[in-house]
PDB file of all heavy atoms in Angstrom:
ATOM      1  N   SER A   1       0.810  -1.222   0.000  1.00  0.00           N
ATOM      2  CA  SER A   1       0.000   0.000   0.000  1.00  0.00           C
ATOM      3  C   SER A   1       0.836   1.264   0.000  1.00  0.00           C
ATOM      4  O   SER A   1       0.304   2.354  -0.164  1.00  0.00           O
ATOM      5  CB  SER A   1      -0.929   0.005   1.213  1.00  0.00           C
ATOM      6  OG  SER A   1      -0.176  -0.056   2.416  1.00  0.00           O
ATOM      7  N   ASP A   2       2.152   1.139   0.198  1.00  0.00           N
ATOM      8  CA  ASP A   2       3.048   2.296   0.153  1.00  0.00           C
ATOM      9  C   ASP A   2       3.741   2.406  -1.196  1.00  0.00           C
ATOM     10  O   ASP A   2       4.730   3.130  -1.334  1.00  0.00           O
ATOM     11  CB  ASP A   2       4.090   2.210   1.268  1.00  0.00           C
ATOM     12  CG  ASP A   2       3.938   3.339   2.277  1.00  0.00           C
ATOM     13  OD1 ASP A   2       3.334   4.364   1.912  1.00  0.00           O
ATOM     14  OD2 ASP A   2       4.434   3.211   3.409  1.00  0.00           O
ATOM     15  N   ILE A   3       3.239   1.669  -2.182  1.00  0.00           N
ATOM     16  CA  ILE A   3       3.763   1.722  -3.550  1.00  0.00           C
ATOM     17  C   ILE A   3       2.626   2.157  -4.467  1.00  0.00           C
ATOM     18  O   ILE A   3       1.502   1.673  -4.346  1.00  0.00           O
ATOM     19  CB  ILE A   3       4.300   0.351  -3.995  1.00  0.00           C
ATOM     20  CG1 ILE A   3       5.443  -0.113  -3.075  1.00  0.00           C
ATOM     21  CG2 ILE A   3       4.761   0.403  -5.454  1.00  0.00           C
ATOM     22  CD1 ILE A   3       5.897  -1.534  -3.345  1.00  0.00           C
ATOM     23  N   ALA A   4       2.914   3.065  -5.375  1.00  0.00           N
ATOM     24  CA  ALA A   4       1.901   3.514  -6.335  1.00  0.00           C
ATOM     25  C   ALA A   4       2.464   3.457  -7.744  1.00  0.00           C
ATOM     26  O   ALA A   4       3.657   3.707  -7.964  1.00  0.00           O
ATOM     27  CB  ALA A   4       1.435   4.930  -6.021  1.00  0.00           C
ATOM     28  N   VAL A   5       1.596   3.122  -8.683  1.00  0.00           N
ATOM     29  CA  VAL A   5       1.925   3.137 -10.110  1.00  0.00           C
ATOM     30  C   VAL A   5       0.990   4.141 -10.774  1.00  0.00           C
ATOM     31  O   VAL A   5      -0.231   4.012 -10.676  1.00  0.00           O
ATOM     32  CB  VAL A   5       1.761   1.744 -10.744  1.00  0.00           C
ATOM     33  CG1 VAL A   5       2.035   1.808 -12.243  1.00  0.00           C
ATOM     34  CG2 VAL A   5       2.683   0.736 -10.064  1.00  0.00           C
ATOM     35  N   ALA A   6       1.556   5.133 -11.444  1.00  0.00           N
ATOM     36  CA  ALA A   6       0.763   6.186 -12.080  1.00  0.00           C
ATOM     37  C   ALA A   6       0.971   6.159 -13.587  1.00  0.00           C
ATOM     38  O   ALA A   6       2.104   6.070 -14.064  1.00  0.00           O
ATOM     39  CB  ALA A   6       1.153   7.559 -11.531  1.00  0.00           C
ATOM     40  N   ALA A   7      -0.132   6.238 -14.328  1.00  0.00           N
ATOM     41  CA  ALA A   7      -0.077   6.271 -15.793  1.00  0.00           C
ATOM     42  C   ALA A   7      -0.961   7.411 -16.293  1.00  0.00           C
ATOM     43  O   ALA A   7      -1.946   7.771 -15.641  1.00  0.00           O
ATOM     44  CB  ALA A   7      -0.553   4.943 -16.369  1.00  0.00           C
ATOM     45  N   ARG A   8      -0.629   7.949 -17.446  1.00  0.00           N
ATOM     46  CA  ARG A   8      -1.460   9.023 -18.008  1.00  0.00           C
ATOM     47  C   ARG A   8      -2.844   8.499 -18.379  1.00  0.00           C
ATOM     48  O   ARG A   8      -3.852   9.173 -18.147  1.00  0.00           O
ATOM     49  CB  ARG A   8      -0.767   9.624 -19.242  1.00  0.00           C
ATOM     50  CG  ARG A   8      -1.600  10.708 -19.958  1.00  0.00           C
ATOM     51  CD  ARG A   8      -1.827  11.885 -19.022  1.00  0.00           C
ATOM     52  NE  ARG A   8      -2.733  12.889 -19.522  1.00  0.00           N
ATOM     53  CZ  ARG A   8      -2.372  13.984 -20.183  1.00  0.00           C
ATOM     54  NH1 ARG A   8      -1.095  14.195 -20.470  1.00  0.00           N
ATOM     55  NH2 ARG A   8      -3.256  14.878 -20.541  1.00  0.00           N
ATOM     56  N   PHE A   9      -2.879   7.306 -18.955  1.00  0.00           N
ATOM     57  CA  PHE A   9      -4.132   6.734 -19.430  1.00  0.00           C
ATOM     58  C   PHE A   9      -4.602   5.615 -18.516  1.00  0.00           C
ATOM     59  O   PHE A   9      -3.815   4.759 -18.103  1.00  0.00           O
ATOM     60  CB  PHE A   9      -3.975   6.198 -20.858  1.00  0.00           C
ATOM     61  CG  PHE A   9      -3.438   7.211 -21.827  1.00  0.00           C
ATOM     62  CD1 PHE A   9      -2.209   7.014 -22.448  1.00  0.00           C
ATOM     63  CD2 PHE A   9      -4.147   8.362 -22.103  1.00  0.00           C
ATOM     64  CE1 PHE A   9      -1.707   7.936 -23.339  1.00  0.00           C
ATOM     65  CE2 PHE A   9      -3.651   9.302 -23.001  1.00  0.00           C
ATOM     66  CZ  PHE A   9      -2.429   9.094 -23.619  1.00  0.00           C
ATOM     67  N   ARG A  10      -5.875   5.591 -18.197  1.00  0.00           N
ATOM     68  CA  ARG A  10      -6.438   4.553 -17.338  1.00  0.00           C
ATOM     69  C   ARG A  10      -6.241   3.170 -17.953  1.00  0.00           C
ATOM     70  O   ARG A  10      -6.013   2.187 -17.246  1.00  0.00           O
ATOM     71  CB  ARG A  10      -7.917   4.837 -17.100  1.00  0.00           C
ATOM     72  CG  ARG A  10      -8.595   3.836 -16.180  1.00  0.00           C
ATOM     73  CD  ARG A  10      -9.974   4.307 -15.785  1.00  0.00           C
ATOM     74  NE  ARG A  10      -9.889   5.486 -14.916  1.00  0.00           N
ATOM     75  CZ  ARG A  10     -10.939   6.163 -14.487  1.00  0.00           C
ATOM     76  NH1 ARG A  10     -12.155   5.799 -14.865  1.00  0.00           N
ATOM     77  NH2 ARG A  10     -10.794   7.197 -13.693  1.00  0.00           N
ATOM     78  N   GLU A  11      -6.308   3.095 -19.280  1.00  0.00           N
ATOM     79  CA  GLU A  11      -6.145   1.805 -19.959  1.00  0.00           C
ATOM     80  C   GLU A  11      -4.770   1.210 -19.691  1.00  0.00           C
ATOM     81  O   GLU A  11      -4.635   0.009 -19.404  1.00  0.00           O
ATOM     82  CB  GLU A  11      -6.350   1.985 -21.464  1.00  0.00           C
ATOM     83  CG  GLU A  11      -6.146   0.711 -22.265  1.00  0.00           C
ATOM     84  CD  GLU A  11      -6.173   0.954 -23.771  1.00  0.00           C
ATOM     85  OE1 GLU A  11      -6.200   2.134 -24.179  1.00  0.00           O
ATOM     86  OE2 GLU A  11      -6.161  -0.042 -24.506  1.00  0.00           O
ATOM     87  N   PHE A  12      -3.719   2.041 -19.762  1.00  0.00           N
ATOM     88  CA  PHE A  12      -2.375   1.527 -19.518  1.00  0.00           C
ATOM     89  C   PHE A  12      -2.212   1.147 -18.049  1.00  0.00           C
ATOM     90  O   PHE A  12      -1.537   0.166 -17.712  1.00  0.00           O
ATOM     91  CB  PHE A  12      -1.330   2.558 -19.937  1.00  0.00           C
ATOM     92  CG  PHE A  12       0.077   2.015 -19.977  1.00  0.00           C
ATOM     93  CD1 PHE A  12       0.339   0.724 -20.399  1.00  0.00           C
ATOM     94  CD2 PHE A  12       1.152   2.803 -19.590  1.00  0.00           C
ATOM     95  CE1 PHE A  12       1.626   0.223 -20.441  1.00  0.00           C
ATOM     96  CE2 PHE A  12       2.441   2.320 -19.631  1.00  0.00           C
ATOM     97  CZ  PHE A  12       2.687   1.025 -20.057  1.00  0.00           C
ATOM     98  N   GLY A  13      -2.851   1.910 -17.161  1.00  0.00           N
ATOM     99  CA  GLY A  13      -2.821   1.543 -15.753  1.00  0.00           C
ATOM    100  C   GLY A  13      -3.472   0.196 -15.509  1.00  0.00           C
ATOM    101  O   GLY A  13      -2.991  -0.604 -14.693  1.00  0.00           O
ATOM    102  N   SER A  14      -4.559  -0.079 -16.210  1.00  0.00           N
ATOM    103  CA  SER A  14      -5.234  -1.375 -16.075  1.00  0.00           C
ATOM    104  C   SER A  14      -4.342  -2.508 -16.564  1.00  0.00           C
ATOM    105  O   SER A  14      -4.306  -3.594 -15.966  1.00  0.00           O
ATOM    106  CB  SER A  14      -6.547  -1.366 -16.857  1.00  0.00           C
ATOM    107  OG  SER A  14      -7.443  -0.405 -16.329  1.00  0.00           O
ATOM    108  N   ARG A  15      -3.612  -2.270 -17.657  1.00  0.00           N
ATOM    109  CA  ARG A  15      -2.690  -3.293 -18.152  1.00  0.00           C
ATOM    110  C   ARG A  15      -1.579  -3.548 -17.138  1.00  0.00           C
ATOM    111  O   ARG A  15      -1.169  -4.698 -16.921  1.00  0.00           O
ATOM    112  CB  ARG A  15      -2.091  -2.859 -19.489  1.00  0.00           C
ATOM    113  CG  ARG A  15      -3.096  -2.825 -20.633  1.00  0.00           C
ATOM    114  CD  ARG A  15      -2.440  -2.374 -21.918  1.00  0.00           C
ATOM    115  NE  ARG A  15      -3.422  -2.222 -22.989  1.00  0.00           N
ATOM    116  CZ  ARG A  15      -3.144  -1.755 -24.192  1.00  0.00           C
ATOM    117  NH1 ARG A  15      -1.898  -1.386 -24.482  1.00  0.00           N
ATOM    118  NH2 ARG A  15      -4.098  -1.648 -25.111  1.00  0.00           N
ATOM    119  N   ALA A  16      -1.099  -2.469 -16.517  1.00  0.00           N
ATOM    120  CA  ALA A  16      -0.067  -2.630 -15.488  1.00  0.00           C
ATOM    121  C   ALA A  16      -0.615  -3.430 -14.310  1.00  0.00           C
ATOM    122  O   ALA A  16       0.070  -4.306 -13.757  1.00  0.00           O
ATOM    123  CB  ALA A  16       0.430  -1.264 -15.025  1.00  0.00           C
ATOM    124  N   ALA A  17      -1.873  -3.145 -13.918  1.00  0.00           N
ATOM    125  CA  ALA A  17      -2.490  -3.873 -12.814  1.00  0.00           C
ATOM    126  C   ALA A  17      -2.602  -5.361 -13.142  1.00  0.00           C
ATOM    127  O   ALA A  17      -2.297  -6.224 -12.298  1.00  0.00           O
ATOM    128  CB  ALA A  17      -3.863  -3.282 -12.512  1.00  0.00           C
ATOM    129  N   ASP A  18      -3.033  -5.678 -14.364  1.00  0.00           N
ATOM    130  CA  ASP A  18      -3.158  -7.081 -14.772  1.00  0.00           C
ATOM    131  C   ASP A  18      -1.802  -7.776 -14.757  1.00  0.00           C
ATOM    132  O   ASP A  18      -1.684  -8.934 -14.318  1.00  0.00           O
ATOM    133  CB  ASP A  18      -3.771  -7.165 -16.171  1.00  0.00           C
ATOM    134  CG  ASP A  18      -5.233  -6.740 -16.200  1.00  0.00           C
ATOM    135  OD1 ASP A  18      -5.864  -6.727 -15.123  1.00  0.00           O
ATOM    136  OD2 ASP A  18      -5.727  -6.396 -17.289  1.00  0.00           O
ATOM    137  N   ARG A  19      -0.794  -7.065 -15.228  1.00  0.00           N
ATOM    138  CA  ARG A  19       0.548  -7.673 -15.292  1.00  0.00           C
ATOM    139  C   ARG A  19       1.093  -7.925 -13.885  1.00  0.00           C
ATOM    140  O   ARG A  19       1.716  -8.968 -13.631  1.00  0.00           O
ATOM    141  CB  ARG A  19       1.481  -6.735 -16.064  1.00  0.00           C
ATOM    142  CG  ARG A  19       2.870  -7.284 -16.303  1.00  0.00           C
ATOM    143  CD  ARG A  19       2.852  -8.487 -17.232  1.00  0.00           C
ATOM    144  NE  ARG A  19       4.190  -9.039 -17.377  1.00  0.00           N
ATOM    145  CZ  ARG A  19       4.727  -9.885 -16.497  1.00  0.00           C
ATOM    146  NH1 ARG A  19       4.035 -10.281 -15.430  1.00  0.00           N
ATOM    147  NH2 ARG A  19       5.947 -10.348 -16.688  1.00  0.00           N
ATOM    148  N   LEU A  20       0.853  -7.003 -12.957  1.00  0.00           N
ATOM    149  CA  LEU A  20       1.303  -7.195 -11.579  1.00  0.00           C
ATOM    150  C   LEU A  20       0.550  -8.350 -10.927  1.00  0.00           C
ATOM    151  O   LEU A  20       1.146  -9.176 -10.212  1.00  0.00           O
ATOM    152  CB  LEU A  20       1.106  -5.909 -10.778  1.00  0.00           C
ATOM    153  CG  LEU A  20       2.049  -4.744 -11.128  1.00  0.00           C
ATOM    154  CD1 LEU A  20       1.559  -3.445 -10.503  1.00  0.00           C
ATOM    155  CD2 LEU A  20       3.481  -5.044 -10.654  1.00  0.00           C
ATOM    156  N   LYS A  21      -0.759  -8.431 -11.160  1.00  0.00           N
ATOM    157  CA  LYS A  21      -1.549  -9.528 -10.590  1.00  0.00           C
ATOM    158  C   LYS A  21      -1.083 -10.877 -11.139  1.00  0.00           C
ATOM    159  O   LYS A  21      -1.021 -11.870 -10.406  1.00  0.00           O
ATOM    160  CB  LYS A  21      -3.030  -9.310 -10.885  1.00  0.00           C
ATOM    161  CG  LYS A  21      -3.673  -8.245 -10.010  1.00  0.00           C
ATOM    162  CD  LYS A  21      -5.179  -8.201 -10.150  1.00  0.00           C
ATOM    163  CE  LYS A  21      -5.597  -7.578 -11.463  1.00  0.00           C
ATOM    164  NZ  LYS A  21      -7.074  -7.360 -11.542  1.00  0.00           N
ATOM    165  N   ASP A  22      -0.759 -10.921 -12.428  1.00  0.00           N
ATOM    166  CA  ASP A  22      -0.256 -12.164 -13.020  1.00  0.00           C
ATOM    167  C   ASP A  22       1.042 -12.602 -12.352  1.00  0.00           C
ATOM    168  O   ASP A  22       1.351 -13.800 -12.307  1.00  0.00           O
ATOM    169  CB  ASP A  22      -0.023 -11.975 -14.520  1.00  0.00           C
ATOM    170  CG  ASP A  22      -1.329 -11.855 -15.296  1.00  0.00           C
ATOM    171  OD1 ASP A  22      -2.383 -12.213 -14.735  1.00  0.00           O
ATOM    172  OD2 ASP A  22      -1.284 -11.386 -16.458  1.00  0.00           O
ATOM    173  N   ALA A  23       1.802 -11.614 -11.843  1.00  0.00           N
ATOM    174  CA  ALA A  23       3.071 -11.920 -11.176  1.00  0.00           C
ATOM    175  C   ALA A  23       2.879 -12.212  -9.692  1.00  0.00           C
ATOM    176  O   ALA A  23       3.856 -12.366  -8.945  1.00  0.00           O
ATOM    177  CB  ALA A  23       4.039 -10.750 -11.353  1.00  0.00           C
ATOM    178  N   GLY A  24       1.610 -12.269  -9.245  1.00  0.00           N
ATOM    179  CA  GLY A  24       1.333 -12.584  -7.849  1.00  0.00           C
ATOM    180  C   GLY A  24       1.420 -11.399  -6.906  1.00  0.00           C
ATOM    181  O   GLY A  24       1.498 -11.571  -5.683  1.00  0.00           O
ATOM    182  N   ILE A  25       1.401 -10.194  -7.453  1.00  0.00           N
ATOM    183  CA  ILE A  25       1.504  -8.977  -6.636  1.00  0.00           C
ATOM    184  C   ILE A  25       0.108  -8.377  -6.474  1.00  0.00           C
ATOM    185  O   ILE A  25      -0.557  -8.099  -7.470  1.00  0.00           O
ATOM    186  CB  ILE A  25       2.457  -7.960  -7.291  1.00  0.00           C
ATOM    187  CG1 ILE A  25       3.869  -8.548  -7.366  1.00  0.00           C
ATOM    188  CG2 ILE A  25       2.458  -6.636  -6.521  1.00  0.00           C
ATOM    189  CD1 ILE A  25       4.846  -7.697  -8.166  1.00  0.00           C
ATOM    190  N   PRO A  26      -0.365  -8.166  -5.255  1.00  0.00           N
ATOM    191  CA  PRO A  26      -1.717  -7.610  -5.063  1.00  0.00           C
ATOM    192  C   PRO A  26      -1.785  -6.158  -5.524  1.00  0.00           C
ATOM    193  O   PRO A  26      -0.828  -5.390  -5.340  1.00  0.00           O
ATOM    194  CB  PRO A  26      -1.931  -7.717  -3.553  1.00  0.00           C
ATOM    195  CG  PRO A  26      -0.551  -7.671  -2.970  1.00  0.00           C
ATOM    196  CD  PRO A  26       0.323  -8.383  -3.970  1.00  0.00           C
ATOM    197  N   VAL A  27      -2.900  -5.785  -6.117  1.00  0.00           N
ATOM    198  CA  VAL A  27      -3.079  -4.415  -6.590  1.00  0.00           C
ATOM    199  C   VAL A  27      -4.455  -3.897  -6.167  1.00  0.00           C
ATOM    200  O   VAL A  27      -5.379  -4.672  -5.935  1.00  0.00           O
ATOM    201  CB  VAL A  27      -2.939  -4.297  -8.126  1.00  0.00           C
ATOM    202  CG1 VAL A  27      -1.579  -4.746  -8.590  1.00  0.00           C
ATOM    203  CG2 VAL A  27      -4.040  -5.079  -8.823  1.00  0.00           C
ATOM    204  N   VAL A  28      -4.557  -2.591  -6.069  1.00  0.00           N
ATOM    205  CA  VAL A  28      -5.804  -1.916  -5.742  1.00  0.00           C
ATOM    206  C   VAL A  28      -5.937  -0.724  -6.680  1.00  0.00           C
ATOM    207  O   VAL A  28      -4.983   0.037  -6.860  1.00  0.00           O
ATOM    208  CB  VAL A  28      -5.804  -1.426  -4.277  1.00  0.00           C
ATOM    209  CG1 VAL A  28      -7.025  -0.553  -4.008  1.00  0.00           C
ATOM    210  CG2 VAL A  28      -5.790  -2.603  -3.309  1.00  0.00           C
ATOM    211  N   LEU A  29      -7.102  -0.563  -7.288  1.00  0.00           N
ATOM    212  CA  LEU A  29      -7.341   0.570  -8.171  1.00  0.00           C
ATOM    213  C   LEU A  29      -7.873   1.740  -7.349  1.00  0.00           C
ATOM    214  O   LEU A  29      -8.896   1.615  -6.664  1.00  0.00           O
ATOM    215  CB  LEU A  29      -8.334   0.200  -9.269  1.00  0.00           C
ATOM    216  CG  LEU A  29      -7.948  -0.982 -10.164  1.00  0.00           C
ATOM    217  CD1 LEU A  29      -9.021  -1.207 -11.229  1.00  0.00           C
ATOM    218  CD2 LEU A  29      -6.594  -0.743 -10.827  1.00  0.00           C
ATOM    219  N   LEU A  30      -7.185   2.891  -7.410  1.00  0.00           N
ATOM    220  CA  LEU A  30      -7.607   4.041  -6.624  1.00  0.00           C
ATOM    221  C   LEU A  30      -8.996   4.527  -7.022  1.00  0.00           C
ATOM    222  O   LEU A  30      -9.722   5.076  -6.203  1.00  0.00           O
ATOM    223  CB  LEU A  30      -6.592   5.181  -6.766  1.00  0.00           C
ATOM    224  CG  LEU A  30      -5.361   5.128  -5.852  1.00  0.00           C
ATOM    225  CD1 LEU A  30      -4.542   6.381  -6.026  1.00  0.00           C
ATOM    226  CD2 LEU A  30      -5.748   4.950  -4.398  1.00  0.00           C
ATOM    227  N   LYS A  31      -9.374   4.318  -8.274  1.00  0.00           N
ATOM    228  CA  LYS A  31     -10.686   4.786  -8.731  1.00  0.00           C
ATOM    229  C   LYS A  31     -11.827   4.076  -8.011  1.00  0.00           C
ATOM    230  O   LYS A  31     -12.955   4.569  -7.987  1.00  0.00           O
ATOM    231  CB  LYS A  31     -10.825   4.598 -10.239  1.00  0.00           C
ATOM    232  CG  LYS A  31     -10.945   3.163 -10.711  1.00  0.00           C
ATOM    233  CD  LYS A  31     -11.129   3.087 -12.215  1.00  0.00           C
ATOM    234  CE  LYS A  31     -11.289   1.639 -12.694  1.00  0.00           C
ATOM    235  NZ  LYS A  31     -12.518   1.022 -12.183  1.00  0.00           N
ATOM    236  N   ASP A  32     -11.529   2.922  -7.400  1.00  0.00           N
ATOM    237  CA  ASP A  32     -12.547   2.171  -6.676  1.00  0.00           C
ATOM    238  C   ASP A  32     -12.722   2.665  -5.244  1.00  0.00           C
ATOM    239  O   ASP A  32     -13.537   2.119  -4.492  1.00  0.00           O
ATOM    240  CB  ASP A  32     -12.188   0.678  -6.662  1.00  0.00           C
ATOM    241  CG  ASP A  32     -12.221   0.061  -8.058  1.00  0.00           C
ATOM    242  OD1 ASP A  32     -12.928   0.616  -8.921  1.00  0.00           O
ATOM    243  OD2 ASP A  32     -11.541  -0.949  -8.277  1.00  0.00           O
ATOM    244  N   GLY A  33     -11.932   3.686  -4.854  1.00  0.00           N
ATOM    245  CA  GLY A  33     -12.054   4.228  -3.502  1.00  0.00           C
ATOM    246  C   GLY A  33     -11.751   3.218  -2.421  1.00  0.00           C
ATOM    247  O   GLY A  33     -12.568   3.002  -1.517  1.00  0.00           O
ATOM    248  N   PRO A  34     -10.585   2.579  -2.448  1.00  0.00           N
ATOM    249  CA  PRO A  34     -10.293   1.511  -1.489  1.00  0.00           C
ATOM    250  C   PRO A  34     -10.128   2.043  -0.070  1.00  0.00           C
ATOM    251  O   PRO A  34      -9.772   3.204   0.146  1.00  0.00           O
ATOM    252  CB  PRO A  34      -8.968   0.936  -2.008  1.00  0.00           C
ATOM    253  CG  PRO A  34      -8.304   2.098  -2.686  1.00  0.00           C
ATOM    254  CD  PRO A  34      -9.436   2.852  -3.334  1.00  0.00           C
ATOM    255  N   ASP A  35     -10.375   1.173   0.888  1.00  0.00           N
ATOM    256  CA  ASP A  35     -10.085   1.495   2.280  1.00  0.00           C
ATOM    257  C   ASP A  35      -8.574   1.650   2.434  1.00  0.00           C
ATOM    258  O   ASP A  35      -7.803   0.899   1.823  1.00  0.00           O
ATOM    259  CB  ASP A  35     -10.586   0.361   3.188  1.00  0.00           C
ATOM    260  CG  ASP A  35     -10.415   0.692   4.653  1.00  0.00           C
ATOM    261  OD1 ASP A  35      -9.319   0.456   5.188  1.00  0.00           O
ATOM    262  OD2 ASP A  35     -11.380   1.193   5.259  1.00  0.00           O
ATOM    263  N   PRO A  36      -8.117   2.621   3.237  1.00  0.00           N
ATOM    264  CA  PRO A  36      -6.665   2.817   3.394  1.00  0.00           C
ATOM    265  C   PRO A  36      -5.928   1.567   3.846  1.00  0.00           C
ATOM    266  O   PRO A  36      -4.738   1.406   3.555  1.00  0.00           O
ATOM    267  CB  PRO A  36      -6.584   3.926   4.448  1.00  0.00           C
ATOM    268  CG  PRO A  36      -7.864   4.667   4.329  1.00  0.00           C
ATOM    269  CD  PRO A  36      -8.889   3.636   3.967  1.00  0.00           C
ATOM    270  N   SER A  37      -6.618   0.678   4.560  1.00  0.00           N
ATOM    271  CA  SER A  37      -5.964  -0.531   5.061  1.00  0.00           C
ATOM    272  C   SER A  37      -5.927  -1.659   4.034  1.00  0.00           C
ATOM    273  O   SER A  37      -5.312  -2.700   4.287  1.00  0.00           O
ATOM    274  CB  SER A  37      -6.681  -1.015   6.323  1.00  0.00           C
ATOM    275  OG  SER A  37      -8.028  -1.358   6.026  1.00  0.00           O
ATOM    276  N   ALA A  38      -6.584  -1.479   2.885  1.00  0.00           N
ATOM    277  CA  ALA A  38      -6.611  -2.533   1.868  1.00  0.00           C
ATOM    278  C   ALA A  38      -5.205  -2.810   1.349  1.00  0.00           C
ATOM    279  O   ALA A  38      -4.486  -1.885   0.976  1.00  0.00           O
ATOM    280  CB  ALA A  38      -7.532  -2.129   0.721  1.00  0.00           C
ATOM    281  N   GLU A  39      -4.830  -4.080   1.334  1.00  0.00           N
ATOM    282  CA  GLU A  39      -3.482  -4.438   0.898  1.00  0.00           C
ATOM    283  C   GLU A  39      -3.413  -4.452  -0.625  1.00  0.00           C
ATOM    284  O   GLU A  39      -4.280  -4.996  -1.296  1.00  0.00           O
ATOM    285  CB  GLU A  39      -3.086  -5.811   1.433  1.00  0.00           C
ATOM    286  CG  GLU A  39      -1.659  -6.197   1.068  1.00  0.00           C
ATOM    287  CD  GLU A  39      -1.262  -7.572   1.585  1.00  0.00           C
ATOM    288  OE1 GLU A  39      -2.146  -8.268   2.114  1.00  0.00           O
ATOM    289  OE2 GLU A  39      -0.080  -7.930   1.451  1.00  0.00           O
ATOM    290  N   GLY A  40      -2.365  -3.852  -1.165  1.00  0.00           N
ATOM    291  CA  GLY A  40      -2.175  -3.868  -2.608  1.00  0.00           C
ATOM    292  C   GLY A  40      -1.468  -2.628  -3.103  1.00  0.00           C
ATOM    293  O   GLY A  40      -1.606  -1.534  -2.538  1.00  0.00           O
ATOM    294  N   VAL A  41      -0.693  -2.807  -4.166  1.00  0.00           N
ATOM    295  CA  VAL A  41      -0.054  -1.673  -4.836  1.00  0.00           C
ATOM    296  C   VAL A  41      -1.143  -0.792  -5.441  1.00  0.00           C
ATOM    297  O   VAL A  41      -2.064  -1.283  -6.094  1.00  0.00           O
ATOM    298  CB  VAL A  41       0.899  -2.181  -5.938  1.00  0.00           C
ATOM    299  CG1 VAL A  41       1.465  -1.018  -6.746  1.00  0.00           C
ATOM    300  CG2 VAL A  41       2.032  -3.001  -5.318  1.00  0.00           C
ATOM    301  N   ARG A  42      -1.053   0.514  -5.218  1.00  0.00           N
ATOM    302  CA  ARG A  42      -2.078   1.431  -5.710  1.00  0.00           C
ATOM    303  C   ARG A  42      -1.831   1.760  -7.182  1.00  0.00           C
ATOM    304  O   ARG A  42      -0.711   2.123  -7.552  1.00  0.00           O
ATOM    305  CB  ARG A  42      -2.062   2.728  -4.907  1.00  0.00           C
ATOM    306  CG  ARG A  42      -2.943   2.765  -3.657  1.00  0.00           C
ATOM    307  CD  ARG A  42      -2.920   1.543  -2.824  1.00  0.00           C
ATOM    308  NE  ARG A  42      -3.812   1.684  -1.655  1.00  0.00           N
ATOM    309  CZ  ARG A  42      -4.086   0.712  -0.821  1.00  0.00           C
ATOM    310  NH1 ARG A  42      -3.550  -0.496  -1.009  1.00  0.00           N
ATOM    311  NH2 ARG A  42      -4.901   0.899   0.200  1.00  0.00           N
ATOM    312  N   ILE A  43      -2.876   1.647  -7.999  1.00  0.00           N
ATOM    313  CA  ILE A  43      -2.807   1.958  -9.430  1.00  0.00           C
ATOM    314  C   ILE A  43      -3.714   3.157  -9.690  1.00  0.00           C
ATOM    315  O   ILE A  43      -4.881   3.158  -9.274  1.00  0.00           O
ATOM    316  CB  ILE A  43      -3.269   0.772 -10.293  1.00  0.00           C
ATOM    317  CG1 ILE A  43      -2.561  -0.525  -9.874  1.00  0.00           C
ATOM    318  CG2 ILE A  43      -3.033   1.068 -11.768  1.00  0.00           C
ATOM    319  CD1 ILE A  43      -1.088  -0.565 -10.145  1.00  0.00           C
TER     320      ILE A  43
END
């Protein structure tokens, strides 16, 4: 949760999220308004 990935386009951010999840890394999309305690790299 202390790591963030920022992209200009939401589409590229989604691709990054999918690629991280495929590698077994949890991700959370900021657009979904996650709880601060939710585990996952912020996209």
